PDB file of N, CA and C in Angstrom:
ATOM      1  N   UNK A   1     -89.586  20.283 -65.237  1.00  0.00           N
ATOM      2  CA  UNK A   1     -91.028  20.403 -65.137  1.00  0.00           C
ATOM      3  C   UNK A   1     -91.472  19.711 -63.848  1.00  0.00           C
ATOM      4  N   UNK A   2     -92.406  20.330 -63.144  1.00  0.00           N
ATOM      5  CA  UNK A   2     -92.914  19.742 -61.908  1.00  0.00           C
ATOM      6  C   UNK A   2     -93.556  18.384 -62.217  1.00  0.00           C
ATOM      7  N   UNK A   3     -93.328  17.428 -61.327  1.00  0.00           N
ATOM      8  CA  UNK A   3     -93.753  16.038 -61.572  1.00  0.00           C
ATOM      9  C   UNK A   3     -95.251  15.923 -61.851  1.00  0.00           C
ATOM     10  N   UNK A   4     -96.083  16.598 -61.073  1.00  0.00           N
ATOM     11  CA  UNK A   4     -97.532  16.462 -61.247  1.00  0.00           C
ATOM     12  C   UNK A   4     -97.981  17.055 -62.586  1.00  0.00           C
ATOM     13  N   UNK A   5     -97.327  18.138 -63.012  1.00  0.00           N
ATOM     14  CA  UNK A   5     -97.646  18.741 -64.312  1.00  0.00           C
ATOM     15  C   UNK A   5     -97.223  17.792 -65.423  1.00  0.00           C
ATOM     16  N   UNK A   6     -96.036  17.207 -65.264  1.00  0.00           N
ATOM     17  CA  UNK A   6     -95.552  16.246 -66.257  1.00  0.00           C
ATOM     18  C   UNK A   6     -96.492  15.041 -66.347  1.00  0.00           C
ATOM     19  N   UNK A   7     -96.927  14.536 -65.197  1.00  0.00           N
ATOM     20  CA  UNK A   7     -97.845  13.398 -65.196  1.00  0.00           C
ATOM     21  C   UNK A   7     -99.160  13.767 -65.874  1.00  0.00           C
ATOM     22  N   UNK A   8     -99.641  14.967 -65.613  1.00  0.00           N
ATOM     23  CA  UNK A   8    -100.883  15.420 -66.244  1.00  0.00           C
ATOM     24  C   UNK A   8    -100.757  15.493 -67.758  1.00  0.00           C
ATOM     25  N   UNK A   9     -99.653  16.054 -68.236  1.00  0.00           N
ATOM     26  CA  UNK A   9     -99.429  16.129 -69.680  1.00  0.00           C
ATOM     27  C   UNK A   9     -99.306  14.736 -70.299  1.00  0.00           C
ATOM     28  N   UNK A  10     -98.535  13.880 -69.642  1.00  0.00           N
ATOM     29  CA  UNK A  10     -98.379  12.519 -70.150  1.00  0.00           C
ATOM     30  C   UNK A  10     -99.734  11.827 -70.244  1.00  0.00           C
ATOM     31  N   UNK A  11    -100.555  11.996 -69.221  1.00  0.00           N
ATOM     32  CA  UNK A  11    -101.871  11.361 -69.243  1.00  0.00           C
ATOM     33  C   UNK A  11    -102.745  11.971 -70.338  1.00  0.00           C
ATOM     34  N   UNK A  12    -102.706  13.296 -70.475  1.00  0.00           N
ATOM     35  CA  UNK A  12    -103.524  13.945 -71.505  1.00  0.00           C
ATOM     36  C   UNK A  12    -103.190  13.429 -72.903  1.00  0.00           C
ATOM     37  N   UNK A  13    -101.916  13.207 -73.152  1.00  0.00           N
ATOM     38  CA  UNK A  13    -101.502  12.775 -74.486  1.00  0.00           C
ATOM     39  C   UNK A  13    -101.613  11.267 -74.694  1.00  0.00           C
ATOM     40  N   UNK A  14    -101.312  10.486 -73.664  1.00  0.00           N
ATOM     41  CA  UNK A  14    -101.194   9.046 -73.850  1.00  0.00           C
ATOM     42  C   UNK A  14    -102.075   8.204 -72.928  1.00  0.00           C
ATOM     43  N   UNK A  15    -102.869   8.826 -72.087  1.00  0.00           N
ATOM     44  CA  UNK A  15    -103.667   8.103 -71.102  1.00  0.00           C
ATOM     45  C   UNK A  15    -104.602   7.064 -71.692  1.00  0.00           C
ATOM     46  N   UNK A  16    -105.121   7.333 -72.868  1.00  0.00           N
ATOM     47  CA  UNK A  16    -106.048   6.387 -73.501  1.00  0.00           C
ATOM     48  C   UNK A  16    -105.374   5.067 -73.865  1.00  0.00           C
ATOM     49  N   UNK A  17    -104.050   5.049 -73.848  1.00  0.00           N
ATOM     50  CA  UNK A  17    -103.318   3.827 -74.176  1.00  0.00           C
ATOM     51  C   UNK A  17    -103.148   2.915 -72.960  1.00  0.00           C
ATOM     52  N   UNK A  18    -103.508   3.420 -71.785  1.00  0.00           N
ATOM     53  CA  UNK A  18    -103.485   2.604 -70.572  1.00  0.00           C
ATOM     54  C   UNK A  18    -104.768   1.784 -70.480  1.00  0.00           C
ATOM     55  N   UNK A  19    -104.742   0.731 -69.667  1.00  0.00           N
ATOM     56  CA  UNK A  19    -105.967  -0.033 -69.434  1.00  0.00           C
ATOM     57  C   UNK A  19    -106.940   0.825 -68.633  1.00  0.00           C
ATOM     58  N   UNK A  20    -108.194   0.442 -68.609  1.00  0.00           N
ATOM     59  CA  UNK A  20    -109.202   1.201 -67.851  1.00  0.00           C
ATOM     60  C   UNK A  20    -108.839   1.246 -66.362  1.00  0.00           C
ATOM     61  N   UNK A  21    -108.360   0.139 -65.833  1.00  0.00           N
ATOM     62  CA  UNK A  21    -107.957   0.093 -64.422  1.00  0.00           C
ATOM     63  C   UNK A  21    -106.792   1.051 -64.171  1.00  0.00           C
ATOM     64  N   UNK A  22    -105.787   1.030 -65.037  1.00  0.00           N
ATOM     65  CA  UNK A  22    -104.651   1.935 -64.889  1.00  0.00           C
ATOM     66  C   UNK A  22    -105.108   3.387 -64.996  1.00  0.00           C
ATOM     67  N   UNK A  23    -105.993   3.670 -65.938  1.00  0.00           N
ATOM     68  CA  UNK A  23    -106.508   5.030 -66.109  1.00  0.00           C
ATOM     69  C   UNK A  23    -107.191   5.507 -64.835  1.00  0.00           C
ATOM     70  N   UNK A  24    -108.026   4.659 -64.269  1.00  0.00           N
ATOM     71  CA  UNK A  24    -108.779   5.019 -63.074  1.00  0.00           C
ATOM     72  C   UNK A  24    -107.843   5.358 -61.909  1.00  0.00           C
ATOM     73  N   UNK A  25    -106.890   4.489 -61.658  1.00  0.00           N
ATOM     74  CA  UNK A  25    -105.962   4.706 -60.546  1.00  0.00           C
ATOM     75  C   UNK A  25    -105.084   5.930 -60.805  1.00  0.00           C
ATOM     76  N   UNK A  26    -104.584   6.051 -62.028  1.00  0.00           N
ATOM     77  CA  UNK A  26    -103.691   7.166 -62.362  1.00  0.00           C
ATOM     78  C   UNK A  26    -104.419   8.503 -62.234  1.00  0.00           C
ATOM     79  N   UNK A  27    -105.665   8.556 -62.709  1.00  0.00           N
ATOM     80  CA  UNK A  27    -106.449   9.796 -62.578  1.00  0.00           C
ATOM     81  C   UNK A  27    -106.679  10.149 -61.114  1.00  0.00           C
ATOM     82  N   UNK A  28    -106.932   9.133 -60.287  1.00  0.00           N
ATOM     83  CA  UNK A  28    -107.147   9.400 -58.867  1.00  0.00           C
ATOM     84  C   UNK A  28    -105.913  10.016 -58.225  1.00  0.00           C
ATOM     85  N   UNK A  29    -104.736   9.558 -58.606  1.00  0.00           N
ATOM     86  CA  UNK A  29    -103.501  10.105 -58.036  1.00  0.00           C
ATOM     87  C   UNK A  29    -103.197  11.486 -58.597  1.00  0.00           C
ATOM     88  N   UNK A  30    -103.224  11.608 -59.918  1.00  0.00           N
ATOM     89  CA  UNK A  30    -102.769  12.833 -60.573  1.00  0.00           C
ATOM     90  C   UNK A  30    -103.812  13.954 -60.527  1.00  0.00           C
ATOM     91  N   UNK A  31    -105.051  13.634 -60.849  1.00  0.00           N
ATOM     92  CA  UNK A  31    -106.059  14.680 -60.985  1.00  0.00           C
ATOM     93  C   UNK A  31    -106.935  14.854 -59.744  1.00  0.00           C
ATOM     94  N   UNK A  32    -107.202  13.763 -59.032  1.00  0.00           N
ATOM     95  CA  UNK A  32    -108.082  13.848 -57.871  1.00  0.00           C
ATOM     96  C   UNK A  32    -107.321  13.973 -56.562  1.00  0.00           C
ATOM     97  N   UNK A  33    -105.982  13.889 -56.644  1.00  0.00           N
ATOM     98  CA  UNK A  33    -105.100  14.072 -55.492  1.00  0.00           C
ATOM     99  C   UNK A  33    -105.461  13.159 -54.313  1.00  0.00           C
ATOM    100  N   UNK A  34    -105.847  11.918 -54.621  1.00  0.00           N
ATOM    101  CA  UNK A  34    -106.146  10.962 -53.558  1.00  0.00           C
ATOM    102  C   UNK A  34    -104.847  10.312 -53.081  1.00  0.00           C
ATOM    103  N   UNK A  35    -104.825   9.921 -51.829  1.00  0.00           N
ATOM    104  CA  UNK A  35    -103.645   9.247 -51.286  1.00  0.00           C
ATOM    105  C   UNK A  35    -103.616   7.798 -51.754  1.00  0.00           C
ATOM    106  N   UNK A  36    -102.445   7.186 -51.622  1.00  0.00           N
ATOM    107  CA  UNK A  36    -102.319   5.786 -51.994  1.00  0.00           C
ATOM    108  C   UNK A  36    -103.264   4.921 -51.162  1.00  0.00           C
ATOM    109  N   UNK A  37    -103.400   5.254 -49.894  1.00  0.00           N
ATOM    110  CA  UNK A  37    -104.297   4.493 -49.015  1.00  0.00           C
ATOM    111  C   UNK A  37    -105.746   4.611 -49.454  1.00  0.00           C
ATOM    112  N   UNK A  38    -106.172   5.814 -49.806  1.00  0.00           N
ATOM    113  CA  UNK A  38    -107.551   6.018 -50.257  1.00  0.00           C
ATOM    114  C   UNK A  38    -107.838   5.209 -51.523  1.00  0.00           C
ATOM    115  N   UNK A  39    -106.894   5.235 -52.445  1.00  0.00           N
ATOM    116  CA  UNK A  39    -107.072   4.496 -53.698  1.00  0.00           C
ATOM    117  C   UNK A  39    -107.059   2.994 -53.432  1.00  0.00           C
ATOM    118  N   UNK A  40    -106.150   2.559 -52.558  1.00  0.00           N
ATOM    119  CA  UNK A  40    -106.063   1.130 -52.229  1.00  0.00           C
ATOM    120  C   UNK A  40    -107.391   0.642 -51.660  1.00  0.00           C
ATOM    121  N   UNK A  41    -107.983   1.407 -50.740  1.00  0.00           N
ATOM    122  CA  UNK A  41    -109.275   1.033 -50.163  1.00  0.00           C
ATOM    123  C   UNK A  41    -110.365   0.994 -51.239  1.00  0.00           C
ATOM    124  N   UNK A  42    -110.360   1.988 -52.096  1.00  0.00           N
ATOM    125  CA  UNK A  42    -111.370   2.093 -53.145  1.00  0.00           C
ATOM    126  C   UNK A  42    -111.247   0.961 -54.169  1.00  0.00           C
ATOM    127  N   UNK A  43    -110.016   0.594 -54.512  1.00  0.00           N
ATOM    128  CA  UNK A  43    -109.773  -0.403 -55.556  1.00  0.00           C
ATOM    129  C   UNK A  43    -109.664  -1.832 -55.015  1.00  0.00           C
ATOM    130  N   UNK A  44    -109.562  -1.961 -53.713  1.00  0.00           N
ATOM    131  CA  UNK A  44    -109.437  -3.280 -53.117  1.00  0.00           C
ATOM    132  C   UNK A  44    -108.074  -3.915 -53.336  1.00  0.00           C
ATOM    133  N   UNK A  45    -107.042  -3.073 -53.392  1.00  0.00           N
ATOM    134  CA  UNK A  45    -105.675  -3.562 -53.525  1.00  0.00           C
ATOM    135  C   UNK A  45    -104.824  -2.945 -52.422  1.00  0.00           C
ATOM    136  N   UNK A  46    -103.586  -3.380 -52.312  1.00  0.00           N
ATOM    137  CA  UNK A  46    -102.720  -2.843 -51.257  1.00  0.00           C
ATOM    138  C   UNK A  46    -102.185  -1.478 -51.663  1.00  0.00           C
ATOM    139  N   UNK A  47    -101.729  -0.767 -50.664  1.00  0.00           N
ATOM    140  CA  UNK A  47    -101.103   0.532 -50.879  1.00  0.00           C
ATOM    141  C   UNK A  47     -99.870   0.366 -51.772  1.00  0.00           C
ATOM    142  N   UNK A  48     -99.098  -0.688 -51.500  1.00  0.00           N
ATOM    143  CA  UNK A  48     -97.912  -0.980 -52.314  1.00  0.00           C
ATOM    144  C   UNK A  48     -98.302  -1.293 -53.755  1.00  0.00           C
ATOM    145  N   UNK A  49     -99.430  -1.971 -53.926  1.00  0.00           N
ATOM    146  CA  UNK A  49     -99.922  -2.271 -55.269  1.00  0.00           C
ATOM    147  C   UNK A  49    -100.245  -1.007 -56.043  1.00  0.00           C
ATOM    148  N   UNK A  50    -100.839  -0.040 -55.360  1.00  0.00           N
ATOM    149  CA  UNK A  50    -101.148   1.253 -55.997  1.00  0.00           C
ATOM    150  C   UNK A  50     -99.846   1.941 -56.380  1.00  0.00           C
ATOM    151  N   UNK A  51     -98.907   1.964 -55.453  1.00  0.00           N
ATOM    152  CA  UNK A  51     -97.607   2.597 -55.704  1.00  0.00           C
ATOM    153  C   UNK A  51     -96.926   1.966 -56.920  1.00  0.00           C
ATOM    154  N   UNK A  52     -96.892   0.650 -56.976  1.00  0.00           N
ATOM    155  CA  UNK A  52     -96.268  -0.052 -58.097  1.00  0.00           C
ATOM    156  C   UNK A  52     -96.987   0.247 -59.409  1.00  0.00           C
ATOM    157  N   UNK A  53     -98.315   0.293 -59.358  1.00  0.00           N
ATOM    158  CA  UNK A  53     -99.097   0.574 -60.560  1.00  0.00           C
ATOM    159  C   UNK A  53     -98.796   1.973 -61.093  1.00  0.00           C
ATOM    160  N   UNK A  54     -98.704   2.949 -60.211  1.00  0.00           N
ATOM    161  CA  UNK A  54     -98.403   4.327 -60.621  1.00  0.00           C
ATOM    162  C   UNK A  54     -97.019   4.397 -61.252  1.00  0.00           C
ATOM    163  N   UNK A  55     -96.043   3.750 -60.627  1.00  0.00           N
ATOM    164  CA  UNK A  55     -94.677   3.739 -61.188  1.00  0.00           C
ATOM    165  C   UNK A  55     -94.659   3.079 -62.562  1.00  0.00           C
ATOM    166  N   UNK A  56     -95.386   1.990 -62.702  1.00  0.00           N
ATOM    167  CA  UNK A  56     -95.459   1.279 -63.985  1.00  0.00           C
ATOM    168  C   UNK A  56     -96.124   2.174 -65.048  1.00  0.00           C
ATOM    169  N   UNK A  57     -97.192   2.856 -64.653  1.00  0.00           N
ATOM    170  CA  UNK A  57     -97.865   3.776 -65.581  1.00  0.00           C
ATOM    171  C   UNK A  57     -96.936   4.915 -65.990  1.00  0.00           C
ATOM    172  N   UNK A  58     -96.206   5.474 -65.014  1.00  0.00           N
ATOM    173  CA  UNK A  58     -95.258   6.542 -65.329  1.00  0.00           C
ATOM    174  C   UNK A  58     -94.236   6.077 -66.362  1.00  0.00           C
ATOM    175  N   UNK A  59     -93.682   4.890 -66.144  1.00  0.00           N
ATOM    176  CA  UNK A  59     -92.683   4.355 -67.082  1.00  0.00           C
ATOM    177  C   UNK A  59     -93.299   4.127 -68.463  1.00  0.00           C
ATOM    178  N   UNK A  60     -94.501   3.603 -68.485  1.00  0.00           N
ATOM    179  CA  UNK A  60     -95.187   3.346 -69.753  1.00  0.00           C
ATOM    180  C   UNK A  60     -95.437   4.646 -70.514  1.00  0.00           C
ATOM    181  N   UNK A  61     -95.976   5.641 -69.812  1.00  0.00           N
ATOM    182  CA  UNK A  61     -96.291   6.914 -70.453  1.00  0.00           C
ATOM    183  C   UNK A  61     -95.024   7.631 -70.920  1.00  0.00           C
ATOM    184  N   UNK A  62     -93.969   7.589 -70.109  1.00  0.00           N
ATOM    185  CA  UNK A  62     -92.692   8.184 -70.515  1.00  0.00           C
ATOM    186  C   UNK A  62     -92.123   7.463 -71.736  1.00  0.00           C
ATOM    187  N   UNK A  63     -92.305   6.158 -71.792  1.00  0.00           N
ATOM    188  CA  UNK A  63     -91.855   5.392 -72.953  1.00  0.00           C
ATOM    189  C   UNK A  63     -92.568   5.829 -74.225  1.00  0.00           C
ATOM    190  N   UNK A  64     -93.874   6.071 -74.121  1.00  0.00           N
ATOM    191  CA  UNK A  64     -94.622   6.559 -75.276  1.00  0.00           C
ATOM    192  C   UNK A  64     -94.078   7.911 -75.728  1.00  0.00           C
ATOM    193  N   UNK A  65     -93.796   8.782 -74.769  1.00  0.00           N
ATOM    194  CA  UNK A  65     -93.278  10.112 -75.118  1.00  0.00           C
ATOM    195  C   UNK A  65     -91.902   9.994 -75.764  1.00  0.00           C
ATOM    196  N   UNK A  66     -91.056   9.117 -75.250  1.00  0.00           N
ATOM    197  CA  UNK A  66     -89.726   8.939 -75.850  1.00  0.00           C
ATOM    198  C   UNK A  66     -89.839   8.465 -77.299  1.00  0.00           C
ATOM    199  N   UNK A  67     -90.800   7.597 -77.565  1.00  0.00           N
ATOM    200  CA  UNK A  67     -90.949   7.055 -78.913  1.00  0.00           C
ATOM    201  C   UNK A  67     -91.680   8.015 -79.860  1.00  0.00           C
ATOM    202  N   UNK A  68     -92.718   8.682 -79.352  1.00  0.00           N
ATOM    203  CA  UNK A  68     -93.572   9.495 -80.218  1.00  0.00           C
ATOM    204  C   UNK A  68     -93.269  10.994 -80.156  1.00  0.00           C
ATOM    205  N   UNK A  69     -92.852  11.484 -79.009  1.00  0.00           N
ATOM    206  CA  UNK A  69     -92.466  12.885 -78.857  1.00  0.00           C
ATOM    207  C   UNK A  69     -93.588  13.891 -79.055  1.00  0.00           C
ATOM    208  N   UNK A  70     -94.827  13.504 -78.784  1.00  0.00           N
ATOM    209  CA  UNK A  70     -95.951  14.414 -79.014  1.00  0.00           C
ATOM    210  C   UNK A  70     -95.945  15.618 -78.076  1.00  0.00           C
ATOM    211  N   UNK A  71     -95.554  15.409 -76.837  1.00  0.00           N
ATOM    212  CA  UNK A  71     -95.532  16.522 -75.884  1.00  0.00           C
ATOM    213  C   UNK A  71     -94.452  17.523 -76.269  1.00  0.00           C
ATOM    214  N   UNK A  72     -93.277  17.029 -76.615  1.00  0.00           N
ATOM    215  CA  UNK A  72     -92.187  17.917 -77.028  1.00  0.00           C
ATOM    216  C   UNK A  72     -92.596  18.720 -78.260  1.00  0.00           C
ATOM    217  N   UNK A  73     -93.240  18.053 -79.199  1.00  0.00           N
ATOM    218  CA  UNK A  73     -93.702  18.733 -80.412  1.00  0.00           C
ATOM    219  C   UNK A  73     -94.762  19.783 -80.073  1.00  0.00           C
ATOM    220  N   UNK A  74     -95.678  19.442 -79.186  1.00  0.00           N
ATOM    221  CA  UNK A  74     -96.712  20.374 -78.748  1.00  0.00           C
ATOM    222  C   UNK A  74     -96.087  21.606 -78.098  1.00  0.00           C
ATOM    223  N   UNK A  75     -95.100  21.388 -77.229  1.00  0.00           N
ATOM    224  CA  UNK A  75     -94.473  22.507 -76.537  1.00  0.00           C
ATOM    225  C   UNK A  75     -93.699  23.407 -77.504  1.00  0.00           C
ATOM    226  N   UNK A  76     -93.027  22.815 -78.493  1.00  0.00           N
ATOM    227  CA  UNK A  76     -92.321  23.615 -79.504  1.00  0.00           C
ATOM    228  C   UNK A  76     -93.321  24.439 -80.312  1.00  0.00           C
ATOM    229  N   UNK A  77     -94.427  23.828 -80.678  1.00  0.00           N
ATOM    230  CA  UNK A  77     -95.457  24.539 -81.433  1.00  0.00           C
ATOM    231  C   UNK A  77     -96.014  25.696 -80.624  1.00  0.00           C
ATOM    232  N   UNK A  78     -96.270  25.445 -79.355  1.00  0.00           N
ATOM    233  CA  UNK A  78     -96.800  26.499 -78.474  1.00  0.00           C
ATOM    234  C   UNK A  78     -95.815  27.670 -78.366  1.00  0.00           C
ATOM    235  N   UNK A  79     -94.518  27.368 -78.256  1.00  0.00           N
ATOM    236  CA  UNK A  79     -93.502  28.427 -78.194  1.00  0.00           C
ATOM    237  C   UNK A  79     -93.494  29.244 -79.480  1.00  0.00           C
ATOM    238  N   UNK A  80     -93.582  28.563 -80.623  1.00  0.00           N
ATOM    239  CA  UNK A  80     -93.569  29.253 -81.915  1.00  0.00           C
ATOM    240  C   UNK A  80     -94.808  30.130 -82.083  1.00  0.00           C
ATOM    241  N   UNK A  81     -95.955  29.646 -81.674  1.00  0.00           N
ATOM    242  CA  UNK A  81     -97.191  30.430 -81.782  1.00  0.00           C
ATOM    243  C   UNK A  81     -97.108  31.662 -80.875  1.00  0.00           C
ATOM    244  N   UNK A  82     -96.536  31.486 -79.690  1.00  0.00           N
ATOM    245  CA  UNK A  82     -96.346  32.625 -78.778  1.00  0.00           C
ATOM    246  C   UNK A  82     -95.446  33.671 -79.426  1.00  0.00           C
ATOM    247  N   UNK A  83     -94.379  33.200 -80.083  1.00  0.00           N
ATOM    248  CA  UNK A  83     -93.470  34.128 -80.756  1.00  0.00           C
ATOM    249  C   UNK A  83     -94.170  34.843 -81.904  1.00  0.00           C
ATOM    250  N   UNK A  84     -94.983  34.111 -82.680  1.00  0.00           N
ATOM    251  CA  UNK A  84     -95.749  34.739 -83.752  1.00  0.00           C
ATOM    252  C   UNK A  84     -96.679  35.810 -83.188  1.00  0.00           C
ATOM    253  N   UNK A  85     -97.333  35.489 -82.090  1.00  0.00           N
ATOM    254  CA  UNK A  85     -98.242  36.461 -81.461  1.00  0.00           C
ATOM    255  C   UNK A  85     -97.488  37.736 -81.068  1.00  0.00           C
ATOM    256  N   UNK A  86     -96.324  37.556 -80.454  1.00  0.00           N
ATOM    257  CA  UNK A  86     -95.518  38.708 -80.040  1.00  0.00           C
ATOM    258  C   UNK A  86     -95.099  39.541 -81.250  1.00  0.00           C
ATOM    259  N   UNK A  87     -94.628  38.874 -82.297  1.00  0.00           N
ATOM    260  CA  UNK A  87     -94.187  39.591 -83.496  1.00  0.00           C
ATOM    261  C   UNK A  87     -95.344  40.297 -84.188  1.00  0.00           C
ATOM    262  N   UNK A  88     -96.506  39.677 -84.183  1.00  0.00           N
ATOM    263  CA  UNK A  88     -97.681  40.288 -84.800  1.00  0.00           C
ATOM    264  C   UNK A  88     -98.059  41.578 -84.080  1.00  0.00           C
ATOM    265  N   UNK A  89     -98.004  41.538 -82.743  1.00  0.00           N
ATOM    266  CA  UNK A  89     -98.302  42.758 -81.980  1.00  0.00           C
ATOM    267  C   UNK A  89     -97.281  43.844 -82.270  1.00  0.00           C
ATOM    268  N   UNK A  90     -96.012  43.454 -82.363  1.00  0.00           N
ATOM    269  CA  UNK A  90     -94.953  44.412 -82.665  1.00  0.00           C
ATOM    270  C   UNK A  90     -95.129  44.976 -84.074  1.00  0.00           C
ATOM    271  N   UNK A  91     -95.495  44.102 -85.010  1.00  0.00           N
ATOM    272  CA  UNK A  91     -95.696  44.534 -86.394  1.00  0.00           C
ATOM    273  C   UNK A  91     -96.823  45.551 -86.499  1.00  0.00           C
ATOM    274  N   UNK A  92     -97.888  45.315 -85.753  1.00  0.00           N
ATOM    275  CA  UNK A  92     -99.035  46.226 -85.843  1.00  0.00           C
ATOM    276  C   UNK A  92     -98.655  47.636 -85.403  1.00  0.00           C
ATOM    277  N   UNK A  93     -97.583  47.750 -84.640  1.00  0.00           N
ATOM    278  CA  UNK A  93     -97.129  49.066 -84.187  1.00  0.00           C
ATOM    279  C   UNK A  93     -96.100  49.676 -85.135  1.00  0.00           C
ATOM    280  N   UNK A  94     -95.312  48.854 -85.830  1.00  0.00           N
ATOM    281  CA  UNK A  94     -94.212  49.383 -86.644  1.00  0.00           C
ATOM    282  C   UNK A  94     -94.356  49.118 -88.139  1.00  0.00           C
ATOM    283  N   UNK A  95     -95.086  48.089 -88.530  1.00  0.00           N
ATOM    284  CA  UNK A  95     -95.235  47.658 -89.921  1.00  0.00           C
ATOM    285  C   UNK A  95     -93.862  47.486 -90.581  1.00  0.00           C
ATOM    286  N   UNK A  96     -93.016  46.712 -89.910  1.00  0.00           N
ATOM    287  CA  UNK A  96     -91.643  46.467 -90.335  1.00  0.00           C
ATOM    288  C   UNK A  96     -91.588  45.223 -91.222  1.00  0.00           C
ATOM    289  N   UNK A  97     -90.935  45.328 -92.396  1.00  0.00           N
ATOM    290  CA  UNK A  97     -90.833  44.208 -93.335  1.00  0.00           C
ATOM    291  C   UNK A  97     -90.067  43.038 -92.729  1.00  0.00           C
ATOM    292  N   UNK A  98     -89.065  43.300 -91.905  1.00  0.00           N
ATOM    293  CA  UNK A  98     -88.286  42.234 -91.268  1.00  0.00           C
ATOM    294  C   UNK A  98     -89.180  41.406 -90.347  1.00  0.00           C
ATOM    295  N   UNK A  99     -90.154  42.039 -89.707  1.00  0.00           N
ATOM    296  CA  UNK A  99     -91.086  41.310 -88.854  1.00  0.00           C
ATOM    297  C   UNK A  99     -91.982  40.392 -89.676  1.00  0.00           C
ATOM    298  N   UNK A 100     -92.400  40.853 -90.842  1.00  0.00           N
ATOM    299  CA  UNK A 100     -93.219  40.014 -91.714  1.00  0.00           C
ATOM    300  C   UNK A 100     -92.432  38.770 -92.116  1.00  0.00           C
ATOM    301  N   UNK A 101     -91.177  38.941 -92.438  1.00  0.00           N
ATOM    302  CA  UNK A 101     -90.327  37.816 -92.814  1.00  0.00           C
ATOM    303  C   UNK A 101     -90.132  36.859 -91.640  1.00  0.00           C
ATOM    304  N   UNK A 102     -89.955  37.403 -90.442  1.00  0.00           N
ATOM    305  CA  UNK A 102     -89.790  36.566 -89.245  1.00  0.00           C
ATOM    306  C   UNK A 102     -91.052  35.751 -88.980  1.00  0.00           C
ATOM    307  N   UNK A 103     -92.193  36.389 -89.132  1.00  0.00           N
ATOM    308  CA  UNK A 103     -93.469  35.684 -88.930  1.00  0.00           C
ATOM    309  C   UNK A 103     -93.604  34.560 -89.956  1.00  0.00           C
ATOM    310  N   UNK A 104     -93.251  34.823 -91.196  1.00  0.00           N
ATOM    311  CA  UNK A 104     -93.306  33.796 -92.230  1.00  0.00           C
ATOM    312  C   UNK A 104     -92.369  32.635 -91.935  1.00  0.00           C
ATOM    313  N   UNK A 105     -91.165  32.950 -91.456  1.00  0.00           N
ATOM    314  CA  UNK A 105     -90.186  31.910 -91.126  1.00  0.00           C
ATOM    315  C   UNK A 105     -90.699  31.025 -90.001  1.00  0.00           C
ATOM    316  N   UNK A 106     -91.226  31.645 -88.966  1.00  0.00           N
ATOM    317  CA  UNK A 106     -91.721  30.883 -87.820  1.00  0.00           C
ATOM    318  C   UNK A 106     -92.923  30.022 -88.211  1.00  0.00           C
ATOM    319  N   UNK A 107     -93.822  30.578 -89.001  1.00  0.00           N
ATOM    320  CA  UNK A 107     -94.989  29.784 -89.415  1.00  0.00           C
ATOM    321  C   UNK A 107     -94.558  28.596 -90.264  1.00  0.00           C
ATOM    322  N   UNK A 108     -93.526  28.766 -91.090  1.00  0.00           N
ATOM    323  CA  UNK A 108     -93.006  27.634 -91.861  1.00  0.00           C
ATOM    324  C   UNK A 108     -92.383  26.577 -90.934  1.00  0.00           C
ATOM    325  N   UNK A 109     -91.704  27.014 -89.871  1.00  0.00           N
ATOM    326  CA  UNK A 109     -91.132  26.083 -88.906  1.00  0.00           C
ATOM    327  C   UNK A 109     -92.233  25.258 -88.235  1.00  0.00           C
ATOM    328  N   UNK A 110     -93.341  25.899 -87.935  1.00  0.00           N
ATOM    329  CA  UNK A 110     -94.463  25.187 -87.320  1.00  0.00           C
ATOM    330  C   UNK A 110     -95.003  24.137 -88.284  1.00  0.00           C
ATOM    331  N   UNK A 111     -95.139  24.506 -89.521  1.00  0.00           N
ATOM    332  CA  UNK A 111     -95.660  23.568 -90.520  1.00  0.00           C
ATOM    333  C   UNK A 111     -94.721  22.391 -90.718  1.00  0.00           C
ATOM    334  N   UNK A 112     -93.421  22.598 -90.501  1.00  0.00           N
ATOM    335  CA  UNK A 112     -92.434  21.525 -90.662  1.00  0.00           C
ATOM    336  C   UNK A 112     -92.321  20.622 -89.437  1.00  0.00           C
ATOM    337  N   UNK A 113     -92.934  20.998 -88.287  1.00  0.00           N
ATOM    338  CA  UNK A 113     -92.816  20.179 -87.067  1.00  0.00           C
ATOM    339  C   UNK A 113     -93.432  18.834 -87.227  1.00  0.00           C
TER     340      UNK A 113
END
């Protein structure tokens, strides 16, 4: 997964667990695409301080994902829903009993996640 997309997902799921200062700096890097220098000037800290803070936030957010696995669970659910959608469209054209069973199996897998 591309780093910026991964950072965005991590922040979406776990960003509220960061301090307000960490949230502000992390959002500026990930979502506002500001440079380390711009953030350093804005926050009144060094460029190296911003860099260290971002690395620390990345490690913290990745740690939350390793422990809780919410992003992985979300992605599995999204894949299953996509598969259900595909099977439903196919079923509407063929009305095949095997497709109904597949849809039921997948929906049960989602409920078990």
